[in-house]
């Protein structure tokens, strides 16, 4: 990734095209990793992006990272860690309207919240990757 300016300041942060092209590519890579169930790798990729983010989008990226870490923990049977990270990530994403940075947030938050409720209620947490929430771009 380039050093130097990695993020153009945005008034509302909703336009993915305002990201530096290299950063946008890393962001898309992280989303692909999440949707493929590669939660640890997603966390690493998005954390690299997050380090260069300033302004209103910072909590958005941190929320996505925390949700990825939450699913990573659930996959390793660290139930308390998974619950905690899903809760923190959802809390960080609360203030963002959908879409944000090109991401359809409403459906994603709903899916992550359903998993959080499943964990809290002691429900089954195993399943197939297709059953987990996905991060979708609007365009």
Protein backbone atom coordinates (compact mmCIF):
# COMPACT_ATOMS: atom_id res chain seq x y z
CA UNK A 1 0.00 0.00 0.00
CA UNK A 2 1.16 3.51 -0.74
CA UNK A 3 2.51 5.65 1.99
CA UNK A 4 1.38 9.23 2.07
CA UNK A 5 -2.22 10.33 1.83
CA UNK A 6 -4.40 7.25 2.00
CA UNK A 7 -7.79 8.81 2.60
CA UNK A 8 -9.40 11.89 1.16
CA UNK A 9 -11.45 13.74 3.74
CA UNK A 10 -15.14 13.30 3.08
CA UNK A 11 -18.02 15.35 4.37
CA UNK A 12 -20.30 12.36 4.86
CA UNK A 13 -17.98 9.46 4.00
CA UNK A 14 -20.52 7.72 1.82
CA UNK A 15 -18.68 7.68 -1.50
CA UNK A 16 -16.23 4.81 -2.00
CA UNK A 17 -14.82 6.59 -5.05
CA UNK A 18 -13.31 9.20 -2.72
CA UNK A 19 -10.88 6.65 -1.32
CA UNK A 20 -7.41 6.43 -2.76
CA UNK A 21 -7.57 3.67 -5.44
CA UNK A 22 -5.07 1.47 -3.55
CA UNK A 23 -7.07 1.85 -0.34
CA UNK A 24 -10.32 1.05 -2.17
CA UNK A 25 -8.69 -2.09 -3.57
CA UNK A 26 -7.62 -3.17 -0.06
CA UNK A 27 -11.12 -2.43 1.23
CA UNK A 28 -12.66 -4.64 -1.47
CA UNK A 29 -10.11 -7.35 -0.66
CA UNK A 30 -11.11 -7.24 3.01
CA UNK A 31 -14.79 -7.49 2.10
CA UNK A 32 -14.07 -10.49 -0.13
CA UNK A 33 -12.16 -12.13 2.73
CA UNK A 34 -15.07 -11.53 5.11
CA UNK A 35 -17.61 -12.95 2.67
CA UNK A 36 -15.37 -16.00 2.14
CA UNK A 37 -15.20 -16.71 5.87
CA UNK A 38 -11.56 -15.63 6.13
CA UNK A 39 -12.26 -13.50 9.18
CA UNK A 40 -8.73 -13.29 10.55
CA UNK A 41 -7.39 -12.22 7.15
CA UNK A 42 -10.24 -9.73 6.77
CA UNK A 43 -9.35 -8.24 10.14
CA UNK A 44 -5.71 -7.87 9.09
CA UNK A 45 -6.56 -6.32 5.71
CA UNK A 46 -9.15 -3.88 7.04
CA UNK A 47 -6.92 -2.94 9.96
CA UNK A 48 -4.25 -1.87 7.46
CA UNK A 49 -6.86 0.36 5.81
CA UNK A 50 -8.19 1.62 9.15
CA UNK A 51 -4.74 2.84 10.24
CA UNK A 52 -4.79 5.41 7.45
CA UNK A 53 -8.37 6.54 7.93
CA UNK A 54 -9.18 9.83 9.61
CA UNK A 55 -12.52 11.46 10.12
CA UNK A 56 -16.05 10.08 10.11
CA UNK A 57 -15.23 6.79 8.38
CA UNK A 58 -12.85 5.61 11.12
CA UNK A 59 -15.56 4.06 13.32
CA UNK A 60 -17.17 2.46 10.27
CA UNK A 61 -13.99 0.54 9.48
CA UNK A 62 -13.44 -0.32 13.13
CA UNK A 63 -16.99 -1.69 13.34
CA UNK A 64 -16.42 -3.95 10.34
CA UNK A 65 -13.13 -5.14 11.84
CA UNK A 66 -14.77 -5.91 15.19
CA UNK A 67 -17.54 -7.92 13.53
CA UNK A 68 -14.95 -9.89 11.55
CA UNK A 69 -13.06 -10.58 14.79
CA UNK A 70 -16.34 -11.60 16.42
CA UNK A 71 -16.98 -14.23 13.77
CA UNK A 72 -13.36 -15.36 13.98
CA UNK A 73 -13.82 -15.91 17.74
CA UNK A 74 -17.06 -17.81 17.20
CA UNK A 75 -15.25 -20.05 14.72
CA UNK A 76 -12.64 -20.88 17.36
CA UNK A 77 -15.35 -21.45 20.00
CA UNK A 78 -14.43 -18.34 21.97
CA UNK A 79 -18.08 -17.53 22.60
CA UNK A 80 -17.54 -14.65 25.04
CA UNK A 81 -15.00 -13.02 22.72
CA UNK A 82 -17.32 -13.45 19.76
CA UNK A 83 -20.27 -11.96 21.61
CA UNK A 84 -18.22 -9.01 22.84
CA UNK A 85 -16.77 -8.17 19.42
CA UNK A 86 -20.10 -8.52 17.59
CA UNK A 87 -21.69 -6.21 20.14
CA UNK A 88 -18.91 -3.62 19.88
CA UNK A 89 -18.92 -3.74 16.08
CA UNK A 90 -22.68 -3.33 15.82
CA UNK A 91 -22.53 -0.42 18.26
CA UNK A 92 -19.89 1.31 16.11
CA UNK A 93 -21.99 0.88 12.97
CA UNK A 94 -25.19 2.24 14.54
CA UNK A 95 -24.61 5.84 13.51
CA UNK A 96 -24.07 5.17 9.81
CA UNK A 97 -26.82 5.41 7.25
CA UNK A 98 -27.04 2.78 4.57
CA UNK A 99 -25.40 2.76 2.16
CA UNK A 100 -22.08 3.91 3.57
CA UNK A 101 -18.81 3.67 1.63
CA UNK A 102 -20.84 1.78 -0.95
CA UNK A 103 -21.84 -0.89 1.58
CA UNK A 104 -25.47 -1.92 2.14
CA UNK A 105 -25.38 -1.66 5.92
CA UNK A 106 -28.99 -2.37 6.92
CA UNK A 107 -29.00 -5.99 5.79
CA UNK A 108 -25.49 -6.59 7.14
CA UNK A 109 -26.31 -5.14 10.57
CA UNK A 110 -29.51 -7.18 10.71
CA UNK A 111 -27.62 -10.39 9.94
CA UNK A 112 -24.87 -9.67 12.47
CA UNK A 113 -27.49 -8.76 15.10
CA UNK A 114 -29.27 -12.08 14.49
CA UNK A 115 -26.00 -13.91 15.15
CA UNK A 116 -25.39 -11.86 18.28
CA UNK A 117 -28.86 -12.80 19.54
CA UNK A 118 -28.19 -16.45 18.69
CA UNK A 119 -25.00 -16.34 20.78
CA UNK A 120 -26.72 -14.58 23.69
CA UNK A 121 -29.56 -17.08 23.72
CA UNK A 122 -27.21 -20.06 23.74
CA UNK A 123 -28.30 -21.13 20.27
CA UNK A 124 -26.31 -23.16 17.76
CA UNK A 125 -23.36 -21.19 16.46
CA UNK A 126 -21.99 -23.65 13.97
CA UNK A 127 -23.04 -23.58 10.39
CA UNK A 128 -21.92 -23.07 6.85
CA UNK A 129 -20.33 -19.90 5.55
CA UNK A 130 -23.41 -19.34 3.37
CA UNK A 131 -25.45 -18.89 6.57
CA UNK A 132 -23.38 -15.96 7.82
CA UNK A 133 -24.11 -12.32 6.99
CA UNK A 134 -22.38 -10.93 3.91
CA UNK A 135 -21.10 -7.45 3.20
CA UNK A 136 -22.64 -6.29 -0.06
CA UNK A 137 -21.78 -3.27 -2.16
CA UNK A 138 -24.72 -1.29 -3.48
CA UNK A 139 -23.21 -0.73 -6.92
